[in-house]
N, C-alpha and C. Protein backbone atom coordinates (compact mmCIF):
# COMPACT_ATOMS: atom_id res chain seq x y z
N MET A 1 -7.68 -23.95 5.99
CA MET A 1 -7.48 -22.47 5.38
C MET A 1 -7.01 -22.02 5.64
N ASP A 2 -5.92 -20.59 5.55
CA ASP A 2 -5.33 -19.82 6.26
C ASP A 2 -6.16 -18.72 5.51
N SER A 3 -6.89 -17.76 5.89
CA SER A 3 -8.02 -16.51 5.35
C SER A 3 -7.15 -15.32 5.96
N THR A 4 -5.70 -15.25 6.27
CA THR A 4 -5.56 -13.84 7.05
C THR A 4 -4.85 -12.85 5.95
N LEU A 5 -5.46 -12.07 4.92
CA LEU A 5 -5.35 -11.04 4.56
C LEU A 5 -4.13 -10.12 5.26
N VAL A 6 -3.69 -9.46 3.92
CA VAL A 6 -2.51 -8.62 4.04
C VAL A 6 -3.25 -7.34 3.53
N ILE A 7 -3.35 -6.07 3.41
CA ILE A 7 -4.06 -5.57 2.59
C ILE A 7 -3.83 -4.13 2.53
N PRO A 8 -2.59 -3.98 1.58
CA PRO A 8 -2.32 -2.46 1.40
C PRO A 8 -3.63 -0.92 1.29
N SER A 9 -3.12 -0.07 2.41
CA SER A 9 -4.42 0.98 2.61
C SER A 9 -4.52 1.41 1.21
N LEU A 10 -3.48 2.00 0.41
CA LEU A 10 -3.46 2.36 -0.69
C LEU A 10 -5.00 3.83 -0.98
N GLY A 11 -4.37 4.45 0.32
CA GLY A 11 -4.76 5.62 0.72
C GLY A 11 -5.92 4.98 1.26
N ARG A 12 -6.60 4.62 1.83
CA ARG A 12 -7.55 4.23 2.77
C ARG A 12 -7.23 4.17 4.74
N THR A 13 -8.13 4.13 5.16
CA THR A 13 -7.65 4.58 6.70
C THR A 13 -8.21 2.87 7.31
N ALA A 14 -7.85 2.59 8.53
CA ALA A 14 -8.45 1.44 9.31
C ALA A 14 -7.57 1.31 10.73
N SER A 15 -8.63 0.92 11.88
CA SER A 15 -8.13 0.79 13.02
C SER A 15 -8.26 -0.38 13.42
N LEU A 16 -7.05 -1.35 14.91
CA LEU A 16 -7.61 -2.61 15.18
C LEU A 16 -9.35 -2.55 15.66
N GLY A 17 -9.57 -3.86 14.64
CA GLY A 17 -10.85 -4.19 15.44
C GLY A 17 -11.83 -3.54 14.13
N ASP A 18 -11.55 -3.13 13.23
CA ASP A 18 -12.35 -2.67 11.54
C ASP A 18 -12.56 -3.98 11.31
N VAL A 19 -13.74 -4.14 10.89
CA VAL A 19 -14.60 -4.79 9.95
C VAL A 19 -14.62 -4.67 8.53
N TYR A 20 -13.25 -5.74 8.11
CA TYR A 20 -13.09 -5.45 6.27
C TYR A 20 -14.43 -6.81 5.92
N ASP A 21 -14.26 -5.94 4.54
CA ASP A 21 -15.40 -6.99 3.17
C ASP A 21 -14.39 -7.88 1.68
N ALA A 22 -14.08 -9.05 2.15
CA ALA A 22 -13.19 -9.49 1.38
C ALA A 22 -14.13 -9.21 0.39
N ARG A 23 -15.34 -9.67 0.18
CA ARG A 23 -15.61 -9.77 -1.03
C ARG A 23 -15.70 -8.26 -1.82
N ARG A 24 -15.84 -7.45 -0.99
CA ARG A 24 -15.82 -6.05 -2.20
C ARG A 24 -14.76 -5.18 -1.73
N ASP A 25 -13.13 -5.99 -1.06
CA ASP A 25 -12.39 -5.36 -1.38
C ASP A 25 -12.03 -3.84 -0.31
N GLU A 26 -13.34 -3.64 0.69
CA GLU A 26 -12.92 -2.71 1.35
C GLU A 26 -13.67 -2.58 2.79
N PHE A 27 -13.44 -1.73 3.61
CA PHE A 27 -13.27 -1.60 4.92
C PHE A 27 -14.89 -1.62 5.24
N VAL A 28 -15.72 -2.02 6.13
CA VAL A 28 -16.73 -1.86 6.97
C VAL A 28 -17.00 0.11 7.26
N HIS A 29 -17.47 0.84 7.08
CA HIS A 29 -17.05 2.31 7.43
C HIS A 29 -18.35 2.37 9.18
N GLY A 30 -17.34 2.49 9.96
CA GLY A 30 -17.78 2.85 11.15
C GLY A 30 -18.36 1.49 12.00
N VAL A 31 -17.99 0.65 11.39
CA VAL A 31 -17.99 -1.00 11.85
C VAL A 31 -16.29 -1.56 12.55
N SER A 32 -17.22 -2.22 14.24
CA SER A 32 -15.87 -2.72 14.57
C SER A 32 -16.29 -3.43 15.56
N ILE A 33 -15.08 -4.81 15.87
CA ILE A 33 -15.55 -5.87 16.75
C ILE A 33 -15.22 -4.99 18.35
N LEU A 34 -15.00 -3.81 19.04
CA LEU A 34 -14.26 -3.58 19.53
C LEU A 34 -15.44 -2.47 20.43
N GLN A 35 -16.04 -2.95 20.90
CA GLN A 35 -17.03 -1.95 21.58
C GLN A 35 -16.23 -0.73 23.07
N LYS A 36 -15.25 -0.78 22.89
CA LYS A 36 -13.93 0.15 23.94
C LYS A 36 -12.81 0.07 23.07
N SER A 37 -11.90 0.73 23.97
CA SER A 37 -10.23 0.74 23.35
C SER A 37 -10.46 -0.48 24.11
N VAL A 38 -9.39 -0.73 23.29
CA VAL A 38 -7.69 -1.92 24.00
C VAL A 38 -7.22 -1.17 24.98
N PRO A 39 -6.85 -1.79 25.76
CA PRO A 39 -6.33 -1.35 27.16
C PRO A 39 -4.62 -2.08 26.12
N PRO A 40 -3.54 -1.53 26.49
CA PRO A 40 -1.84 -1.48 26.79
C PRO A 40 -1.44 -2.58 26.25
N GLU A 41 -2.16 -3.27 27.40
CA GLU A 41 -1.25 -4.64 27.93
C GLU A 41 -1.89 -5.89 26.88
N LEU A 42 -2.86 -5.39 26.12
CA LEU A 42 -3.74 -6.67 24.78
C LEU A 42 -3.31 -5.85 23.07
N ILE A 43 -2.20 -5.09 23.27
CA ILE A 43 -1.55 -5.11 21.80
C ILE A 43 -0.33 -5.04 22.12
N ASN A 44 0.21 -5.56 21.37
CA ASN A 44 2.12 -5.93 20.91
C ASN A 44 2.15 -4.97 19.90
N THR A 45 3.26 -4.27 20.40
CA THR A 45 3.12 -3.36 19.97
C THR A 45 5.07 -3.62 19.55
N ILE A 46 5.12 -3.25 18.01
CA ILE A 46 7.30 -4.03 17.34
C ILE A 46 7.76 -3.18 17.05
N ASN A 47 8.12 -1.85 17.07
CA ASN A 47 9.22 -1.27 15.98
C ASN A 47 10.32 -1.69 15.15
N ASN A 48 9.75 -1.25 14.28
CA ASN A 48 10.14 -2.29 12.67
C ASN A 48 10.55 -0.73 11.47
N PRO A 49 11.43 -0.13 12.36
CA PRO A 49 11.79 0.97 11.12
C PRO A 49 12.56 0.08 10.05
N THR A 50 11.97 0.79 8.75
CA THR A 50 12.38 0.19 7.05
C THR A 50 12.20 1.23 6.35
N THR A 51 13.25 2.01 5.31
CA THR A 51 13.32 2.55 4.13
C THR A 51 13.65 1.42 3.03
N GLU A 52 13.07 2.06 1.80
CA GLU A 52 12.90 0.70 0.77
C GLU A 52 12.85 2.05 -0.74
N HIS A 53 13.34 1.98 -1.70
CA HIS A 53 13.47 2.86 -2.40
C HIS A 53 13.38 2.25 -4.04
N ASP A 54 12.71 2.23 -4.70
CA ASP A 54 12.63 1.79 -5.84
C ASP A 54 12.42 2.71 -7.34
N MET A 55 13.78 2.54 -7.75
CA MET A 55 13.43 3.85 -9.09
C MET A 55 13.27 3.04 -10.49
N PHE A 56 12.34 3.38 -11.19
CA PHE A 56 11.68 3.51 -12.63
C PHE A 56 11.25 3.27 -13.72
N VAL A 57 11.65 3.31 -14.85
CA VAL A 57 10.75 4.69 -15.51
C VAL A 57 9.69 3.12 -16.66
N THR A 58 8.66 3.25 -16.26
CA THR A 58 7.61 3.07 -16.93
C THR A 58 6.41 3.56 -17.09
N ASP A 59 5.44 3.77 -17.82
CA ASP A 59 4.32 4.22 -17.70
C ASP A 59 3.20 2.71 -17.89
N LYS A 60 3.63 2.10 -17.44
CA LYS A 60 2.66 1.02 -17.90
C LYS A 60 1.81 0.06 -16.18
N LEU A 61 0.60 0.47 -16.58
CA LEU A 61 -0.71 0.21 -15.79
C LEU A 61 0.24 -0.71 -14.73
N SER A 62 0.64 -2.22 -15.86
CA SER A 62 0.47 -3.98 -14.54
C SER A 62 2.34 -3.19 -13.96
N THR A 63 3.01 -2.37 -14.53
CA THR A 63 4.26 -2.51 -13.97
C THR A 63 3.79 -1.07 -12.57
N LYS A 64 3.55 -0.56 -12.64
CA LYS A 64 3.11 0.06 -11.19
C LYS A 64 2.49 -0.83 -10.39
N LEU A 65 1.33 -1.58 -11.11
CA LEU A 65 0.33 -2.17 -9.87
C LEU A 65 1.08 -3.53 -8.93
N THR A 66 2.03 -3.90 -10.34
CA THR A 66 3.44 -4.68 -9.25
C THR A 66 3.87 -3.71 -8.96
N LYS A 67 4.87 -3.32 -8.78
CA LYS A 67 6.06 -2.27 -7.62
C LYS A 67 4.72 -1.55 -6.11
N LEU A 68 3.71 -1.95 -6.07
CA LEU A 68 3.40 -1.94 -5.07
C LEU A 68 2.62 -2.97 -3.92
N ASP A 69 3.18 -3.76 -4.90
CA ASP A 69 3.22 -4.91 -3.70
C ASP A 69 1.54 -5.53 -3.71
N LEU A 70 0.87 -5.93 -4.65
CA LEU A 70 -0.46 -5.26 -5.00
C LEU A 70 -0.69 -7.27 -5.06
N SER A 71 -1.61 -8.11 -4.34
CA SER A 71 -2.14 -9.26 -4.77
C SER A 71 -2.69 -8.67 -6.11
N ALA A 72 -3.10 -10.51 -6.79
CA ALA A 72 -3.74 -9.97 -7.59
C ALA A 72 -4.95 -9.68 -7.49
N GLU A 73 -5.69 -10.69 -6.54
CA GLU A 73 -7.34 -9.85 -6.31
C GLU A 73 -7.45 -8.29 -5.68
N LEU A 74 -6.88 -7.58 -5.46
CA LEU A 74 -6.78 -6.06 -4.85
C LEU A 74 -6.04 -5.12 -6.03
N LYS A 75 -5.67 -5.98 -7.39
CA LYS A 75 -5.06 -5.03 -8.85
C LYS A 75 -6.01 -5.90 -9.77
N LEU A 76 -7.00 -6.81 -9.59
CA LEU A 76 -7.73 -6.63 -10.34
C LEU A 76 -9.45 -5.43 -10.15
N SER A 77 -9.47 -5.50 -8.89
CA SER A 77 -10.29 -4.42 -7.96
C SER A 77 -10.12 -2.90 -7.80
N VAL A 78 -8.72 -2.85 -8.39
CA VAL A 78 -8.11 -1.22 -8.63
C VAL A 78 -8.21 -1.10 -10.59
N LEU A 79 -8.18 -2.14 -11.20
CA LEU A 79 -8.54 -2.29 -12.39
C LEU A 79 -10.06 -2.38 -12.63
N ASN A 80 -10.71 -3.12 -12.33
CA ASN A 80 -12.06 -2.82 -12.74
C ASN A 80 -12.66 -1.75 -12.22
N GLY A 81 -12.39 -1.13 -10.64
CA GLY A 81 -12.72 -0.09 -10.46
C GLY A 81 -13.38 0.12 -9.09
N LEU A 82 -13.67 -1.20 -8.35
CA LEU A 82 -14.71 -1.69 -7.12
C LEU A 82 -13.05 -1.10 -5.91
N VAL A 83 -11.92 -0.69 -5.92
CA VAL A 83 -11.03 -0.09 -5.80
C VAL A 83 -11.13 1.13 -5.56
N GLU A 84 -10.90 2.74 -4.75
CA GLU A 84 -10.36 4.16 -5.36
C GLU A 84 -8.60 4.19 -4.85
N VAL A 85 -8.34 3.58 -5.80
CA VAL A 85 -6.93 4.85 -5.08
C VAL A 85 -6.35 5.56 -4.40
N LYS A 86 -5.91 6.03 -3.62
CA LYS A 86 -5.43 7.55 -3.00
C LYS A 86 -4.50 7.62 -2.58
N GLY A 87 -3.95 9.55 -2.20
CA GLY A 87 -2.88 9.15 -1.79
C GLY A 87 -1.74 8.53 -2.74
N SER A 88 -0.43 8.39 -2.22
CA SER A 88 0.43 7.80 -3.93
C SER A 88 0.30 6.72 -4.53
N ALA A 89 -0.30 6.14 -3.76
CA ALA A 89 -1.01 5.05 -4.61
C ALA A 89 -2.05 5.44 -6.41
N SER A 90 -2.58 6.80 -5.60
CA SER A 90 -2.62 7.52 -7.30
C SER A 90 -2.04 7.83 -8.51
N PHE A 91 -0.56 7.64 -8.39
CA PHE A 91 0.53 7.47 -9.64
C PHE A 91 0.01 6.88 -10.92
N ILE A 92 -0.30 5.50 -10.44
CA ILE A 92 -0.80 4.56 -10.75
C ILE A 92 -2.08 5.39 -11.90
N ASN A 93 -2.29 6.21 -12.13
CA ASN A 93 -3.61 6.75 -12.79
C ASN A 93 -2.85 8.17 -13.60
N GLU A 94 -1.93 7.97 -13.31
CA GLU A 94 -1.10 9.13 -14.11
C GLU A 94 -0.56 8.74 -15.21
N ASN A 95 -0.79 9.66 -16.28
CA ASN A 95 -0.53 8.94 -17.75
C ASN A 95 0.31 10.10 -18.97
N LYS A 96 1.63 9.56 -19.63
CA LYS A 96 2.08 10.44 -19.80
C LYS A 96 1.37 11.18 -21.08
N SER A 97 1.36 12.34 -21.59
CA SER A 97 1.56 13.23 -22.16
C SER A 97 1.29 13.04 -24.44
N THR A 98 2.01 12.30 -24.03
CA THR A 98 2.13 11.95 -25.19
C THR A 98 2.86 9.72 -25.89
N SER A 99 3.14 10.25 -27.40
CA SER A 99 3.81 8.93 -27.45
C SER A 99 5.43 8.83 -27.15
N HIS A 100 5.75 10.11 -27.00
CA HIS A 100 7.43 10.24 -27.16
C HIS A 100 7.61 10.64 -25.55
N ALA A 101 6.27 10.71 -25.10
CA ALA A 101 6.45 11.02 -23.48
C ALA A 101 7.13 10.29 -22.32
N PHE A 102 8.30 9.66 -21.29
CA PHE A 102 7.65 9.18 -20.58
C PHE A 102 8.74 9.08 -19.64
N GLN A 103 8.13 8.23 -18.36
CA GLN A 103 8.25 8.50 -16.66
C GLN A 103 8.87 8.03 -15.65
N TYR A 104 9.59 8.65 -14.85
CA TYR A 104 10.41 8.34 -14.31
C TYR A 104 9.50 7.84 -12.44
N ASN A 105 10.01 7.13 -12.52
CA ASN A 105 9.40 7.10 -10.65
C ASN A 105 9.90 6.93 -9.76
N LEU A 106 10.02 6.81 -9.05
CA LEU A 106 10.39 6.42 -7.27
C LEU A 106 9.16 6.24 -6.35
N ILE A 107 9.70 5.13 -5.57
CA ILE A 107 8.70 4.92 -4.88
C ILE A 107 10.07 4.40 -3.30
N GLN A 108 9.20 5.41 -2.21
CA GLN A 108 9.64 5.01 -0.59
C GLN A 108 8.74 4.30 -0.08
N LYS A 109 9.31 3.69 0.38
CA LYS A 109 8.49 2.69 1.40
C LYS A 109 8.53 2.80 2.52
N ILE A 110 8.07 3.15 3.51
CA ILE A 110 8.84 3.53 4.77
C ILE A 110 7.87 3.06 6.06
N THR A 111 8.44 2.18 6.69
CA THR A 111 7.82 1.58 7.96
C THR A 111 8.42 1.86 9.57
N THR A 112 7.77 1.88 10.49
CA THR A 112 7.98 2.22 12.07
C THR A 112 7.40 1.44 12.60
N LEU A 113 6.06 1.16 12.88
CA LEU A 113 6.28 0.21 13.30
C LEU A 113 4.51 -0.60 13.28
N ASP A 114 4.78 -2.28 14.02
CA ASP A 114 3.77 -3.06 13.54
C ASP A 114 3.14 -3.24 14.96
N GLU A 115 1.67 -2.99 15.07
CA GLU A 115 0.75 -3.24 15.94
C GLU A 115 -0.20 -4.69 15.83
N LYS A 116 -0.48 -5.13 16.43
CA LYS A 116 -0.88 -6.65 16.82
C LYS A 116 -2.04 -6.46 18.15
N ILE A 117 -2.90 -6.94 17.79
CA ILE A 117 -4.37 -7.43 19.09
C ILE A 117 -4.02 -8.71 19.16
N ASN A 118 -3.47 -9.04 20.83
CA ASN A 118 -3.33 -10.18 21.33
C ASN A 118 -4.50 -10.99 21.15
N ILE A 119 -4.86 -10.94 20.33
CA ILE A 119 -6.30 -12.20 20.36
C ILE A 119 -6.13 -13.48 21.50
N GLN A 120 -4.84 -13.50 22.13
CA GLN A 120 -5.00 -15.25 22.68
C GLN A 120 -4.91 -14.73 24.49
N HIS A 121 -4.91 -13.26 24.36
CA HIS A 121 -5.52 -12.78 26.31
C HIS A 121 -6.98 -13.01 26.55
N GLU A 122 -6.46 -13.01 27.34
CA GLU A 122 -8.05 -13.38 28.08
C GLU A 122 -8.56 -12.38 28.77
N GLY A 123 -8.08 -11.29 28.24
CA GLY A 123 -9.21 -9.97 28.88
C GLY A 123 -9.39 -9.51 27.36
N ILE A 124 -9.51 -10.06 25.91
CA ILE A 124 -9.83 -9.03 25.37
C ILE A 124 -11.47 -9.72 24.96
N THR A 125 -11.70 -10.65 25.73
CA THR A 125 -13.38 -10.75 25.51
C THR A 125 -14.03 -9.69 26.10
N LYS A 126 -13.24 -8.89 27.24
CA LYS A 126 -14.31 -7.61 27.68
C LYS A 126 -14.42 -6.41 26.76
N CYS A 127 -13.51 -6.85 25.49
CA CYS A 127 -13.55 -5.49 24.90
C CYS A 127 -14.39 -5.94 23.14
N LEU A 128 -14.72 -7.00 23.57
CA LEU A 128 -15.42 -7.59 21.91
C LEU A 128 -17.07 -6.72 21.93
N THR A 129 -17.40 -6.48 20.85
CA THR A 129 -19.06 -6.64 21.28
C THR A 129 -19.73 -7.53 19.79
N LYS A 130 -20.66 -8.43 19.78
CA LYS A 130 -21.46 -9.31 18.68
C LYS A 130 -22.15 -7.99 17.35
N ASN A 131 -22.69 -7.02 18.30
CA ASN A 131 -22.88 -6.27 16.95
C ASN A 131 -22.18 -5.67 15.95
N VAL A 132 -21.85 -6.53 15.03
CA VAL A 132 -20.82 -6.26 14.05
C VAL A 132 -22.18 -6.29 12.66
N GLY A 133 -23.13 -7.34 12.56
CA GLY A 133 -24.07 -7.16 11.48
C GLY A 133 -23.21 -7.98 10.72
N ASP A 134 -23.84 -8.44 9.13
CA ASP A 134 -22.99 -9.67 8.66
C ASP A 134 -22.31 -9.57 7.06
N ASP A 135 -21.98 -7.82 7.30
CA ASP A 135 -21.45 -7.25 6.33
C ASP A 135 -19.70 -7.65 6.05
N GLY A 136 -19.04 -7.81 7.08
CA GLY A 136 -17.88 -8.32 6.93
C GLY A 136 -17.65 -9.35 6.73
N THR A 137 -16.20 -10.39 6.20
CA THR A 137 -15.40 -11.33 6.32
C THR A 137 -14.20 -11.38 7.29
N HIS A 138 -13.70 -10.13 7.51
CA HIS A 138 -12.23 -9.80 7.90
C HIS A 138 -12.41 -9.03 9.41
N VAL A 139 -11.20 -9.38 10.41
CA VAL A 139 -11.58 -7.94 10.65
C VAL A 139 -9.60 -7.60 11.14
N VAL A 140 -9.65 -6.58 11.02
CA VAL A 140 -8.10 -5.49 11.36
C VAL A 140 -7.56 -6.37 12.83
N VAL A 141 -6.71 -7.24 12.76
CA VAL A 141 -6.22 -7.22 13.91
C VAL A 141 -4.57 -7.19 14.04
N GLY A 142 -3.75 -6.15 12.73
CA GLY A 142 -2.82 -5.76 12.93
C GLY A 142 -2.36 -4.52 11.89
N ILE A 143 -1.90 -3.98 12.88
CA ILE A 143 -1.59 -2.94 11.17
C ILE A 143 -0.16 -3.45 11.14
N THR A 144 0.55 -1.93 9.86
CA THR A 144 1.95 -2.09 10.00
C THR A 144 1.82 -0.33 9.41
N TYR A 145 2.29 0.43 10.66
CA TYR A 145 2.18 2.10 10.18
C TYR A 145 3.55 2.13 9.52
N GLY A 146 2.95 3.02 8.81
CA GLY A 146 4.44 4.29 7.70
C GLY A 146 4.17 4.78 6.35
N ALA A 147 5.15 5.07 6.02
CA ALA A 147 3.88 5.78 4.67
C ALA A 147 5.31 5.47 3.45
N ASN A 148 3.38 5.83 2.03
CA ASN A 148 5.22 5.38 0.82
C ASN A 148 4.43 6.61 0.49
N THR A 149 5.88 7.53 -0.41
CA THR A 149 6.11 8.19 -1.36
C THR A 149 5.65 7.86 -2.77
N VAL A 150 5.31 8.53 -3.70
CA VAL A 150 5.80 8.51 -5.17
C VAL A 150 6.02 9.63 -5.59
N ILE A 151 7.48 9.79 -6.65
CA ILE A 151 7.88 10.78 -7.33
C ILE A 151 7.27 10.22 -8.79
N THR A 152 7.16 11.22 -9.38
CA THR A 152 6.90 10.65 -10.85
C THR A 152 7.24 12.15 -11.56
N LEU A 153 8.06 11.91 -12.13
CA LEU A 153 8.66 13.10 -13.60
C LEU A 153 8.77 12.64 -14.96
N THR A 154 7.96 13.52 -15.89
CA THR A 154 7.46 12.73 -16.66
C THR A 154 8.21 14.24 -17.93
N ASN A 155 9.27 13.45 -18.81
CA ASN A 155 9.94 13.62 -19.50
C ASN A 155 8.98 13.78 -21.13
N GLU A 156 9.08 14.81 -21.39
CA GLU A 156 8.19 15.33 -22.55
C GLU A 156 9.10 14.73 -24.29
N ASN A 157 10.18 14.81 -23.90
CA ASN A 157 11.23 13.93 -24.64
C ASN A 157 10.77 14.94 -26.31
N GLU A 158 10.96 16.03 -26.03
CA GLU A 158 10.56 16.68 -27.48
C GLU A 158 11.15 16.29 -28.42
N GLU A 159 12.64 15.99 -28.22
CA GLU A 159 13.55 15.62 -29.04
C GLU A 159 13.24 14.11 -29.56
N LYS A 160 12.39 13.23 -28.71
CA LYS A 160 12.31 11.97 -29.59
C LYS A 160 13.22 11.18 -29.71
N GLU A 161 14.22 11.20 -28.64
CA GLU A 161 15.50 10.86 -28.52
C GLU A 161 15.09 8.80 -28.07
N ASP A 162 15.77 8.31 -28.53
CA ASP A 162 15.16 6.80 -27.95
C ASP A 162 15.29 6.16 -26.54
N LEU A 163 14.38 5.84 -26.82
CA LEU A 163 13.31 5.34 -24.70
C LEU A 163 14.57 4.15 -24.31
N LEU A 164 15.01 3.65 -24.95
CA LEU A 164 16.08 2.51 -24.60
C LEU A 164 17.59 3.53 -24.11
N HIS A 165 17.65 4.50 -25.12
CA HIS A 165 19.23 5.31 -24.35
C HIS A 165 18.59 5.70 -22.97
N LEU A 166 17.55 6.49 -23.06
CA LEU A 166 17.02 7.59 -22.01
C LEU A 166 16.54 6.16 -20.47
N GLU A 167 16.60 5.19 -20.71
CA GLU A 167 15.89 4.44 -20.04
C GLU A 167 17.85 4.11 -19.53
N GLY A 168 17.83 3.90 -20.43
CA GLY A 168 20.03 3.35 -19.65
C GLY A 168 20.73 4.50 -19.05
N GLU A 169 20.38 5.86 -20.00
CA GLU A 169 21.36 6.59 -19.09
C GLU A 169 20.62 6.88 -17.68
N PHE A 170 19.33 6.78 -17.63
CA PHE A 170 18.40 7.52 -15.83
C PHE A 170 18.96 5.40 -15.27
N GLN A 171 19.35 4.12 -15.34
CA GLN A 171 20.02 3.11 -14.46
C GLN A 171 21.17 3.44 -14.19
N THR A 172 21.99 3.98 -15.54
CA THR A 172 23.15 4.13 -14.94
C THR A 172 23.68 5.40 -13.88
N GLN A 173 22.93 6.66 -14.19
CA GLN A 173 22.98 7.43 -12.71
C GLN A 173 22.11 6.90 -11.51
N LYS A 174 21.09 6.11 -11.72
CA LYS A 174 20.74 5.00 -10.48
C LYS A 174 21.72 4.42 -9.69
N VAL A 175 22.40 3.63 -10.50
CA VAL A 175 23.68 2.51 -9.76
C VAL A 175 24.77 4.20 -9.27
N ALA A 176 25.10 5.06 -10.31
CA ALA A 176 26.13 6.13 -9.26
C ALA A 176 25.71 6.24 -8.03
N SER A 177 24.30 6.54 -7.97
CA SER A 177 23.70 7.26 -7.24
C SER A 177 23.52 5.93 -5.93
N LEU A 178 23.01 5.18 -5.93
CA LEU A 178 23.20 4.18 -4.82
C LEU A 178 24.67 3.24 -4.18
N ASN A 179 25.48 4.00 -5.34
CA ASN A 179 27.01 3.93 -4.86
C ASN A 179 27.68 4.37 -3.99
N LYS A 180 27.34 5.39 -4.52
CA LYS A 180 27.67 7.26 -3.20
C LYS A 180 26.73 6.47 -2.04
N ARG A 181 26.00 6.30 -1.89
CA ARG A 181 25.47 5.79 -0.69
C ARG A 181 25.92 4.64 0.51
N SER A 182 26.36 4.69 -0.49
CA SER A 182 27.45 2.42 0.01
C SER A 182 28.65 3.30 0.71
C-alpha cells in the first residue's frame, strides 16, 4: 500500500522533516524527525519552473475546491472546518453579495523548485531523532516551492443581465487574450 500523500499547503507552512497527522489533516506543530539541519548532499533539489493560469466564472464552493486540485479527503476536511484555509485558498470563502452578482476568478499557479530528502543516503540516520511522539502519521520528505495567486472580481450585475450571456462574453475575452500570447 502506497501511503504517500501530496498535501497542498492552503496557507500552512511546513519544512522537510516535519511530522504530519493525516487523521486530523494538519502538521504537528514544532515536531520534526530531524534533530539537526540536513547537509546539502542529502537533499535533492530540482529546478521546476512552471506557470499555469485558469480563468473561470463561478461562485460554487465545489468548483472552487476542484480548481485548487484538492483530494476528496482534503475537500471534506475543508468543508467540515477541520482545515482552516489561509492565503490564496481563502477565496473559497468569498461569497457574492446578491443573487444577480457573479464572480470572475483567475488562479495563477507558479512552481519554482522541488526539494526532497534523499532517504536512501546512509548519512541521513545521523540527522534523525527518535523523540517525535505518536501524534503523526507521515513525514514531510519533499516540498514543491512556489505560489498560488487568486484574483476574484465580483460583478454586482445591477442590470440583471443573463449570467450565461455574461459568462459567454468572459470566455470569448479569455480565448482572445490567450490567442494574443501565442
